[in-house]
Amino acid sequence: VRALAIFVVVAIASVVRADPAPRPNVLIIVSDDMGWNGI
């Protein structure tokens, strides 16, 4: 969960703030024109 995010709006907000905690790596994976019933 912490290694992979499809949409990371919340994650971006958390890593940009001034926070001494270790920053997570961020990975966004996007497919192109995949249909709802194709998975």
PDB file of all heavy atoms in Angstrom:
ATOM      1  N   VAL A   1       0.821  -1.197   0.000  1.00  0.00           N
ATOM      2  CA  VAL A   1       0.000   0.000   0.000  1.00  0.00           C
ATOM      3  C   VAL A   1       0.861   1.255   0.000  1.00  0.00           C
ATOM      4  O   VAL A   1       0.606   2.198  -0.739  1.00  0.00           O
ATOM      5  CB  VAL A   1      -0.938   0.011   1.222  1.00  0.00           C
ATOM      6  CG1 VAL A   1      -1.756   1.291   1.256  1.00  0.00           C
ATOM      7  CG2 VAL A   1      -1.864  -1.193   1.160  1.00  0.00           C
ATOM      8  N   ARG A   2       1.908   1.276   0.841  1.00  0.00           N
ATOM      9  CA  ARG A   2       2.726   2.473   0.932  1.00  0.00           C
ATOM     10  C   ARG A   2       3.704   2.599  -0.224  1.00  0.00           C
ATOM     11  O   ARG A   2       4.259   3.662  -0.456  1.00  0.00           O
ATOM     12  CB  ARG A   2       3.493   2.472   2.249  1.00  0.00           C
ATOM     13  CG  ARG A   2       2.575   2.536   3.470  1.00  0.00           C
ATOM     14  CD  ARG A   2       3.367   2.461   4.746  1.00  0.00           C
ATOM     15  NE  ARG A   2       2.489   2.391   5.905  1.00  0.00           N
ATOM     16  CZ  ARG A   2       2.913   2.198   7.133  1.00  0.00           C
ATOM     17  NH1 ARG A   2       4.205   2.060   7.358  1.00  0.00           N
ATOM     18  NH2 ARG A   2       2.071   2.135   8.133  1.00  0.00           N
ATOM     19  N   ALA A   3       3.940   1.516  -0.922  1.00  0.00           N
ATOM     20  CA  ALA A   3       4.907   1.557  -2.015  1.00  0.00           C
ATOM     21  C   ALA A   3       4.259   1.935  -3.327  1.00  0.00           C
ATOM     22  O   ALA A   3       4.937   2.385  -4.242  1.00  0.00           O
ATOM     23  CB  ALA A   3       5.581   0.193  -2.162  1.00  0.00           C
ATOM     24  N   LEU A   4       2.965   1.735  -3.450  1.00  0.00           N
ATOM     25  CA  LEU A   4       2.322   1.915  -4.735  1.00  0.00           C
ATOM     26  C   LEU A   4       1.035   2.688  -4.577  1.00  0.00           C
ATOM     27  O   LEU A   4       0.216   2.378  -3.749  1.00  0.00           O
ATOM     28  CB  LEU A   4       2.020   0.533  -5.357  1.00  0.00           C
ATOM     29  CG  LEU A   4       1.337   0.556  -6.718  1.00  0.00           C
ATOM     30  CD1 LEU A   4       2.240   1.189  -7.752  1.00  0.00           C
ATOM     31  CD2 LEU A   4       0.965  -0.847  -7.135  1.00  0.00           C
ATOM     32  N   ALA A   5       0.871   3.728  -5.374  1.00  0.00           N
ATOM     33  CA  ALA A   5      -0.371   4.490  -5.348  1.00  0.00           C
ATOM     34  C   ALA A   5      -0.791   4.795  -6.762  1.00  0.00           C
ATOM     35  O   ALA A   5       0.027   5.159  -7.594  1.00  0.00           O
ATOM     36  CB  ALA A   5      -0.186   5.791  -4.575  1.00  0.00           C
ATOM     37  N   ILE A   6      -2.071   4.627  -7.061  1.00  0.00           N
ATOM     38  CA  ILE A   6      -2.573   5.001  -8.368  1.00  0.00           C
ATOM     39  C   ILE A   6      -2.840   6.501  -8.408  1.00  0.00           C
ATOM     40  O   ILE A   6      -2.456   7.192  -9.338  1.00  0.00           O
ATOM     41  CB  ILE A   6      -3.854   4.213  -8.695  1.00  0.00           C
ATOM     42  CG1 ILE A   6      -3.568   2.707  -8.660  1.00  0.00           C
ATOM     43  CG2 ILE A   6      -4.382   4.603 -10.066  1.00  0.00           C
ATOM     44  CD1 ILE A   6      -2.498   2.242  -9.605  1.00  0.00           C
ATOM     45  N   PHE A   7      -3.475   7.032  -7.390  1.00  0.00           N
ATOM     46  CA  PHE A   7      -3.675   8.467  -7.282  1.00  0.00           C
ATOM     47  C   PHE A   7      -3.153   8.896  -5.914  1.00  0.00           C
ATOM     48  O   PHE A   7      -3.465   8.300  -4.897  1.00  0.00           O
ATOM     49  CB  PHE A   7      -5.158   8.838  -7.444  1.00  0.00           C
ATOM     50  CG  PHE A   7      -5.676   8.549  -8.806  1.00  0.00           C
ATOM     51  CD1 PHE A   7      -6.316   7.345  -9.078  1.00  0.00           C
ATOM     52  CD2 PHE A   7      -5.501   9.446  -9.836  1.00  0.00           C
ATOM     53  CE1 PHE A   7      -6.767   7.055 -10.340  1.00  0.00           C
ATOM     54  CE2 PHE A   7      -5.959   9.161 -11.102  1.00  0.00           C
ATOM     55  CZ  PHE A   7      -6.601   7.974 -11.354  1.00  0.00           C
ATOM     56  N   VAL A   8      -2.354   9.974  -5.889  1.00  0.00           N
ATOM     57  CA  VAL A   8      -1.578  10.257  -4.696  1.00  0.00           C
ATOM     58  C   VAL A   8      -1.771  11.686  -4.197  1.00  0.00           C
ATOM     59  O   VAL A   8      -0.848  12.284  -3.677  1.00  0.00           O
ATOM     60  CB  VAL A   8      -0.083  10.013  -4.973  1.00  0.00           C
ATOM     61  CG1 VAL A   8       0.199   8.549  -5.126  1.00  0.00           C
ATOM     62  CG2 VAL A   8       0.382  10.804  -6.171  1.00  0.00           C
ATOM     63  N   VAL A   9      -2.962  12.224  -4.341  1.00  0.00           N
ATOM     64  CA  VAL A   9      -3.197  13.582  -3.873  1.00  0.00           C
ATOM     65  C   VAL A   9      -2.923  13.690  -2.383  1.00  0.00           C
ATOM     66  O   VAL A   9      -2.228  14.591  -1.903  1.00  0.00           O
ATOM     67  CB  VAL A   9      -4.647  14.014  -4.179  1.00  0.00           C
ATOM     68  CG1 VAL A   9      -4.922  15.393  -3.594  1.00  0.00           C
ATOM     69  CG2 VAL A   9      -4.888  14.022  -5.674  1.00  0.00           C
ATOM     70  N   VAL A  10      -3.442  12.752  -1.597  1.00  0.00           N
ATOM     71  CA  VAL A  10      -3.227  12.782  -0.159  1.00  0.00           C
ATOM     72  C   VAL A  10      -1.764  12.545   0.175  1.00  0.00           C
ATOM     73  O   VAL A  10      -1.186  13.205   1.039  1.00  0.00           O
ATOM     74  CB  VAL A  10      -4.107  11.733   0.546  1.00  0.00           C
ATOM     75  CG1 VAL A  10      -3.799  11.688   2.042  1.00  0.00           C
ATOM     76  CG2 VAL A  10      -5.578  12.075   0.334  1.00  0.00           C
ATOM     77  N   ALA A  11      -1.143  11.611  -0.536  1.00  0.00           N
ATOM     78  CA  ALA A  11       0.264  11.301  -0.277  1.00  0.00           C
ATOM     79  C   ALA A  11       1.152  12.499  -0.572  1.00  0.00           C
ATOM     80  O   ALA A  11       2.089  12.796   0.179  1.00  0.00           O
ATOM     81  CB  ALA A  11       0.698  10.098  -1.113  1.00  0.00           C
ATOM     82  N   ILE A  12       0.877  13.215  -1.674  1.00  0.00           N
ATOM     83  CA  ILE A  12       1.687  14.374  -2.009  1.00  0.00           C
ATOM     84  C   ILE A  12       1.573  15.428  -0.907  1.00  0.00           C
ATOM     85  O   ILE A  12       2.549  16.024  -0.476  1.00  0.00           O
ATOM     86  CB  ILE A  12       1.248  14.961  -3.359  1.00  0.00           C
ATOM     87  CG1 ILE A  12       1.483  13.950  -4.485  1.00  0.00           C
ATOM     88  CG2 ILE A  12       1.991  16.255  -3.650  1.00  0.00           C
ATOM     89  CD1 ILE A  12       2.900  13.504  -4.614  1.00  0.00           C
ATOM     90  N   ALA A  13       0.352  15.646  -0.421  1.00  0.00           N
ATOM     91  CA  ALA A  13       0.167  16.629   0.638  1.00  0.00           C
ATOM     92  C   ALA A  13       0.970  16.265   1.881  1.00  0.00           C
ATOM     93  O   ALA A  13       1.530  17.130   2.552  1.00  0.00           O
ATOM     94  CB  ALA A  13      -1.316  16.741   0.984  1.00  0.00           C
ATOM     95  N   SER A  14       1.065  14.990   2.184  1.00  0.00           N
ATOM     96  CA  SER A  14       1.749  14.558   3.397  1.00  0.00           C
ATOM     97  C   SER A  14       3.260  14.657   3.279  1.00  0.00           C
ATOM     98  O   SER A  14       3.938  14.902   4.275  1.00  0.00           O
ATOM     99  CB  SER A  14       1.349  13.124   3.744  1.00  0.00           C
ATOM    100  OG  SER A  14       1.884  12.213   2.803  1.00  0.00           O
ATOM    101  N   VAL A  15       3.806  14.481   2.083  1.00  0.00           N
ATOM    102  CA  VAL A  15       5.260  14.495   1.968  1.00  0.00           C
ATOM    103  C   VAL A  15       5.812  15.892   1.757  1.00  0.00           C
ATOM    104  O   VAL A  15       6.982  16.150   2.011  1.00  0.00           O
ATOM    105  CB  VAL A  15       5.741  13.581   0.819  1.00  0.00           C
ATOM    106  CG1 VAL A  15       5.342  12.158   1.080  1.00  0.00           C
ATOM    107  CG2 VAL A  15       5.238  14.050  -0.534  1.00  0.00           C
ATOM    108  N   VAL A  16       4.975  16.828   1.314  1.00  0.00           N
ATOM    109  CA  VAL A  16       5.465  18.181   1.073  1.00  0.00           C
ATOM    110  C   VAL A  16       5.550  18.977   2.372  1.00  0.00           C
ATOM    111  O   VAL A  16       6.342  19.880   2.507  1.00  0.00           O
ATOM    112  CB  VAL A  16       4.560  18.898   0.045  1.00  0.00           C
ATOM    113  CG1 VAL A  16       4.934  20.372  -0.064  1.00  0.00           C
ATOM    114  CG2 VAL A  16       4.702  18.240  -1.322  1.00  0.00           C
ATOM    115  N   ARG A  17       4.746  18.638   3.376  1.00  0.00           N
ATOM    116  CA  ARG A  17       4.755  19.400   4.621  1.00  0.00           C
ATOM    117  C   ARG A  17       6.079  19.214   5.364  1.00  0.00           C
ATOM    118  O   ARG A  17       6.818  18.256   5.140  1.00  0.00           O
ATOM    119  CB  ARG A  17       3.599  18.970   5.509  1.00  0.00           C
ATOM    120  CG  ARG A  17       3.766  17.579   6.126  1.00  0.00           C
ATOM    121  CD  ARG A  17       2.658  17.284   7.109  1.00  0.00           C
ATOM    122  NE  ARG A  17       2.884  16.029   7.797  1.00  0.00           N
ATOM    123  CZ  ARG A  17       2.337  14.889   7.433  1.00  0.00           C
ATOM    124  NH1 ARG A  17       1.534  14.848   6.396  1.00  0.00           N
ATOM    125  NH2 ARG A  17       2.584  13.779   8.114  1.00  0.00           N
ATOM    126  N   ALA A  18       6.360  20.139   6.245  1.00  0.00           N
ATOM    127  CA  ALA A  18       7.582  20.056   7.053  1.00  0.00           C
ATOM    128  C   ALA A  18       7.384  18.987   8.121  1.00  0.00           C
ATOM    129  O   ALA A  18       6.756  19.216   9.146  1.00  0.00           O
ATOM    130  CB  ALA A  18       7.877  21.401   7.689  1.00  0.00           C
ATOM    131  N   ASP A  19       7.920  17.824   7.886  1.00  0.00           N
ATOM    132  CA  ASP A  19       7.687  16.690   8.769  1.00  0.00           C
ATOM    133  C   ASP A  19       8.992  15.922   8.882  1.00  0.00           C
ATOM    134  O   ASP A  19       9.577  15.524   7.876  1.00  0.00           O
ATOM    135  CB  ASP A  19       6.588  15.793   8.179  1.00  0.00           C
ATOM    136  CG  ASP A  19       6.130  14.716   9.162  1.00  0.00           C
ATOM    137  OD1 ASP A  19       6.919  14.372  10.067  1.00  0.00           O
ATOM    138  OD2 ASP A  19       5.016  14.217   9.005  1.00  0.00           O
ATOM    139  N   PRO A  20       9.492  15.678  10.098  1.00  0.00           N
ATOM    140  CA  PRO A  20      10.775  14.990  10.253  1.00  0.00           C
ATOM    141  C   PRO A  20      10.712  13.500   9.930  1.00  0.00           C
ATOM    142  O   PRO A  20      11.742  12.846   9.843  1.00  0.00           O
ATOM    143  CB  PRO A  20      11.099  15.204  11.730  1.00  0.00           C
ATOM    144  CG  PRO A  20       9.757  15.368  12.388  1.00  0.00           C
ATOM    145  CD  PRO A  20       8.909  16.098  11.384  1.00  0.00           C
ATOM    146  N   ALA A  21       9.504  12.938   9.768  1.00  0.00           N
ATOM    147  CA  ALA A  21       9.387  11.513   9.488  1.00  0.00           C
ATOM    148  C   ALA A  21       9.987  11.188   8.123  1.00  0.00           C
ATOM    149  O   ALA A  21      10.006  12.029   7.222  1.00  0.00           O
ATOM    150  CB  ALA A  21       7.913  11.095   9.529  1.00  0.00           C
ATOM    151  N   PRO A  22      10.500   9.968   7.934  1.00  0.00           N
ATOM    152  CA  PRO A  22      11.061   9.586   6.630  1.00  0.00           C
ATOM    153  C   PRO A  22      10.024   9.719   5.529  1.00  0.00           C
ATOM    154  O   PRO A  22       8.858   9.368   5.706  1.00  0.00           O
ATOM    155  CB  PRO A  22      11.462   8.116   6.846  1.00  0.00           C
ATOM    156  CG  PRO A  22      11.628   7.975   8.314  1.00  0.00           C
ATOM    157  CD  PRO A  22      10.613   8.899   8.926  1.00  0.00           C
ATOM    158  N   ARG A  23      10.459  10.235   4.405  1.00  0.00           N
ATOM    159  CA  ARG A  23       9.549  10.418   3.287  1.00  0.00           C
ATOM    160  C   ARG A  23       9.325   9.077   2.581  1.00  0.00           C
ATOM    161  O   ARG A  23      10.265   8.319   2.359  1.00  0.00           O
ATOM    162  CB  ARG A  23      10.121  11.410   2.280  1.00  0.00           C
ATOM    163  CG  ARG A  23      10.441  12.782   2.860  1.00  0.00           C
ATOM    164  CD  ARG A  23       9.186  13.509   3.268  1.00  0.00           C
ATOM    165  NE  ARG A  23       9.429  14.933   3.429  1.00  0.00           N
ATOM    166  CZ  ARG A  23       9.175  15.608   4.542  1.00  0.00           C
ATOM    167  NH1 ARG A  23       8.690  14.971   5.580  1.00  0.00           N
ATOM    168  NH2 ARG A  23       9.405  16.900   4.612  1.00  0.00           N
ATOM    169  N   PRO A  24       8.101   8.784   2.182  1.00  0.00           N
ATOM    170  CA  PRO A  24       7.856   7.547   1.426  1.00  0.00           C
ATOM    171  C   PRO A  24       8.277   7.695  -0.025  1.00  0.00           C
ATOM    172  O   PRO A  24       8.248   8.792  -0.584  1.00  0.00           O
ATOM    173  CB  PRO A  24       6.337   7.377   1.536  1.00  0.00           C
ATOM    174  CG  PRO A  24       5.825   8.789   1.609  1.00  0.00           C
ATOM    175  CD  PRO A  24       6.857   9.539   2.415  1.00  0.00           C
ATOM    176  N   ASN A  25       8.690   6.606  -0.632  1.00  0.00           N
ATOM    177  CA  ASN A  25       8.833   6.594  -2.082  1.00  0.00           C
ATOM    178  C   ASN A  25       7.438   6.650  -2.698  1.00  0.00           C
ATOM    179  O   ASN A  25       6.484   6.107  -2.149  1.00  0.00           O
ATOM    180  CB  ASN A  25       9.552   5.327  -2.541  1.00  0.00           C
ATOM    181  CG  ASN A  25      10.967   5.263  -2.018  1.00  0.00           C
ATOM    182  OD1 ASN A  25      11.716   6.216  -2.091  1.00  0.00           O
ATOM    183  ND2 ASN A  25      11.331   4.113  -1.449  1.00  0.00           N
ATOM    184  N   VAL A  26       7.322   7.321  -3.846  1.00  0.00           N
ATOM    185  CA  VAL A  26       6.024   7.491  -4.497  1.00  0.00           C
ATOM    186  C   VAL A  26       6.089   6.920  -5.909  1.00  0.00           C
ATOM    187  O   VAL A  26       6.960   7.295  -6.703  1.00  0.00           O
ATOM    188  CB  VAL A  26       5.612   8.977  -4.554  1.00  0.00           C
ATOM    189  CG1 VAL A  26       4.260   9.129  -5.260  1.00  0.00           C
ATOM    190  CG2 VAL A  26       5.531   9.558  -3.153  1.00  0.00           C
ATOM    191  N   LEU A  27       5.161   6.009  -6.196  1.00  0.00           N
ATOM    192  CA  LEU A  27       5.072   5.406  -7.523  1.00  0.00           C
ATOM    193  C   LEU A  27       3.635   5.528  -8.018  1.00  0.00           C
ATOM    194  O   LEU A  27       2.700   5.103  -7.340  1.00  0.00           O
ATOM    195  CB  LEU A  27       5.472   3.931  -7.464  1.00  0.00           C
ATOM    196  CG  LEU A  27       5.207   3.073  -8.706  1.00  0.00           C
ATOM    197  CD1 LEU A  27       6.010   3.572  -9.893  1.00  0.00           C
ATOM    198  CD2 LEU A  27       5.514   1.607  -8.411  1.00  0.00           C
ATOM    199  N   ILE A  28       3.454   6.130  -9.179  1.00  0.00           N
ATOM    200  CA  ILE A  28       2.153   6.224  -9.820  1.00  0.00           C
ATOM    201  C   ILE A  28       2.189   5.383 -11.087  1.00  0.00           C
ATOM    202  O   ILE A  28       3.071   5.557 -11.923  1.00  0.00           O
ATOM    203  CB  ILE A  28       1.788   7.671 -10.187  1.00  0.00           C
ATOM    204  CG1 ILE A  28       1.804   8.574  -8.956  1.00  0.00           C
ATOM    205  CG2 ILE A  28       0.408   7.722 -10.852  1.00  0.00           C
ATOM    206  CD1 ILE A  28       1.533  10.027  -9.274  1.00  0.00           C
ATOM    207  N   ILE A  29       1.238   4.483 -11.233  1.00  0.00           N
ATOM    208  CA  ILE A  29       1.125   3.661 -12.444  1.00  0.00           C
ATOM    209  C   ILE A  29      -0.187   3.996 -13.136  1.00  0.00           C
ATOM    210  O   ILE A  29      -1.247   3.974 -12.497  1.00  0.00           O
ATOM    211  CB  ILE A  29       1.183   2.159 -12.115  1.00  0.00           C
ATOM    212  CG1 ILE A  29       2.518   1.797 -11.472  1.00  0.00           C
ATOM    213  CG2 ILE A  29       0.961   1.328 -13.375  1.00  0.00           C
ATOM    214  CD1 ILE A  29       2.619   0.346 -11.050  1.00  0.00           C
ATOM    215  N   VAL A  30      -0.122   4.309 -14.402  1.00  0.00           N
ATOM    216  CA  VAL A  30      -1.310   4.658 -15.177  1.00  0.00           C
ATOM    217  C   VAL A  30      -1.407   3.746 -16.395  1.00  0.00           C
ATOM    218  O   VAL A  30      -0.413   3.542 -17.103  1.00  0.00           O
ATOM    219  CB  VAL A  30      -1.250   6.131 -15.638  1.00  0.00           C
ATOM    220  CG1 VAL A  30      -2.443   6.478 -16.522  1.00  0.00           C
ATOM    221  CG2 VAL A  30      -1.212   7.063 -14.430  1.00  0.00           C
ATOM    222  N   SER A  31      -2.583   3.188 -16.619  1.00  0.00           N
ATOM    223  CA  SER A  31      -2.833   2.464 -17.874  1.00  0.00           C
ATOM    224  C   SER A  31      -3.536   3.409 -18.838  1.00  0.00           C
ATOM    225  O   SER A  31      -4.019   4.474 -18.446  1.00  0.00           O
ATOM    226  CB  SER A  31      -3.689   1.220 -17.624  1.00  0.00           C
ATOM    227  OG  SER A  31      -4.968   1.601 -17.129  1.00  0.00           O
ATOM    228  N   ASP A  32      -3.609   3.032 -20.092  1.00  0.00           N
ATOM    229  CA  ASP A  32      -4.107   3.935 -21.130  1.00  0.00           C
ATOM    230  C   ASP A  32      -5.331   3.334 -21.819  1.00  0.00           C
ATOM    231  O   ASP A  32      -5.215   2.343 -22.547  1.00  0.00           O
ATOM    232  CB  ASP A  32      -2.988   4.187 -22.152  1.00  0.00           C
ATOM    233  CG  ASP A  32      -3.268   5.371 -23.053  1.00  0.00           C
ATOM    234  OD1 ASP A  32      -4.376   5.930 -22.975  1.00  0.00           O
ATOM    235  OD2 ASP A  32      -2.382   5.729 -23.838  1.00  0.00           O
ATOM    236  N   ASP A  33      -6.487   3.915 -21.579  1.00  0.00           N
ATOM    237  CA  ASP A  33      -7.741   3.473 -22.215  1.00  0.00           C
ATOM    238  C   ASP A  33      -8.181   2.084 -21.769  1.00  0.00           C
ATOM    239  O   ASP A  33      -8.766   1.332 -22.549  1.00  0.00           O
ATOM    240  CB  ASP A  33      -7.634   3.508 -23.749  1.00  0.00           C
ATOM    241  CG  ASP A  33      -7.836   4.909 -24.306  1.00  0.00           C
ATOM    242  OD1 ASP A  33      -7.863   5.856 -23.504  1.00  0.00           O
ATOM    243  OD2 ASP A  33      -7.972   5.049 -25.525  1.00  0.00           O
ATOM    244  N   MET A  34      -7.933   1.732 -20.535  1.00  0.00           N
ATOM    245  CA  MET A  34      -8.400   0.445 -20.035  1.00  0.00           C
ATOM    246  C   MET A  34      -9.878   0.547 -19.657  1.00  0.00           C
ATOM    247  O   MET A  34     -10.275   1.470 -18.943  1.00  0.00           O
ATOM    248  CB  MET A  34      -7.592   0.008 -18.814  1.00  0.00           C
ATOM    249  CG  MET A  34      -8.020  -1.357 -18.264  1.00  0.00           C
ATOM    250  SD  MET A  34      -7.092  -1.821 -16.785  1.00  0.00           S
ATOM    251  CE  MET A  34      -5.464  -2.108 -17.485  1.00  0.00           C
ATOM    252  N   GLY A  35     -10.671  -0.396 -20.120  1.00  0.00           N
ATOM    253  CA  GLY A  35     -12.084  -0.391 -19.807  1.00  0.00           C
ATOM    254  C   GLY A  35     -12.363  -0.875 -18.399  1.00  0.00           C
ATOM    255  O   GLY A  35     -11.581  -1.618 -17.800  1.00  0.00           O
ATOM    256  N   TRP A  36     -13.492  -0.443 -17.854  1.00  0.00           N
ATOM    257  CA  TRP A  36     -13.881  -0.827 -16.498  1.00  0.00           C
ATOM    258  C   TRP A  36     -13.929  -2.339 -16.333  1.00  0.00           C
ATOM    259  O   TRP A  36     -13.534  -2.877 -15.307  1.00  0.00           O
ATOM    260  CB  TRP A  36     -15.246  -0.213 -16.189  1.00  0.00           C
ATOM    261  CG  TRP A  36     -15.795  -0.575 -14.842  1.00  0.00           C
ATOM    262  CD1 TRP A  36     -16.674  -1.576 -14.551  1.00  0.00           C
ATOM    263  CD2 TRP A  36     -15.493   0.057 -13.603  1.00  0.00           C
ATOM    264  NE1 TRP A  36     -16.939  -1.600 -13.206  1.00  0.00           N
ATOM    265  CE2 TRP A  36     -16.235  -0.614 -12.587  1.00  0.00           C
ATOM    266  CE3 TRP A  36     -14.677   1.127 -13.233  1.00  0.00           C
ATOM    267  CZ2 TRP A  36     -16.171  -0.241 -11.251  1.00  0.00           C
ATOM    268  CZ3 TRP A  36     -14.624   1.495 -11.899  1.00  0.00           C
ATOM    269  CH2 TRP A  36     -15.368   0.813 -10.927  1.00  0.00           C
ATOM    270  N   ASN A  37     -14.430  -3.039 -17.361  1.00  0.00           N
ATOM    271  CA  ASN A  37     -14.585  -4.500 -17.251  1.00  0.00           C
ATOM    272  C   ASN A  37     -13.410  -5.242 -17.870  1.00  0.00           C
ATOM    273  O   ASN A  37     -13.521  -6.419 -18.178  1.00  0.00           O
ATOM    274  CB  ASN A  37     -15.890  -4.953 -17.904  1.00  0.00           C
ATOM    275  CG  ASN A  37     -15.872  -4.779 -19.412  1.00  0.00           C
ATOM    276  OD1 ASN A  37     -15.150  -3.924 -19.929  1.00  0.00           O
ATOM    277  ND2 ASN A  37     -16.660  -5.561 -20.121  1.00  0.00           N
ATOM    278  N   GLY A  38     -12.278  -4.574 -18.019  1.00  0.00           N
ATOM    279  CA  GLY A  38     -11.115  -5.234 -18.599  1.00  0.00           C
ATOM    280  C   GLY A  38     -10.162  -5.806 -17.573  1.00  0.00           C
ATOM    281  O   GLY A  38      -9.099  -6.332 -17.937  1.00  0.00           O
ATOM    282  N   ILE A  39     -10.507  -5.700 -16.291  1.00  0.00           N
ATOM    283  CA  ILE A  39      -9.618  -6.156 -15.229  1.00  0.00           C
ATOM    284  C   ILE A  39     -10.331  -7.138 -14.319  1.00  0.00           C
ATOM    285  O   ILE A  39     -11.559  -7.127 -14.194  1.00  0.00           O
ATOM    286  CB  ILE A  39      -9.076  -4.970 -14.403  1.00  0.00           C
ATOM    287  CG1 ILE A  39     -10.205  -4.024 -14.006  1.00  0.00           C
ATOM    288  CG2 ILE A  39      -8.004  -4.230 -15.166  1.00  0.00           C
ATOM    289  CD1 ILE A  39      -9.754  -2.818 -13.246  1.00  0.00           C
TER     290      ILE A  39
END
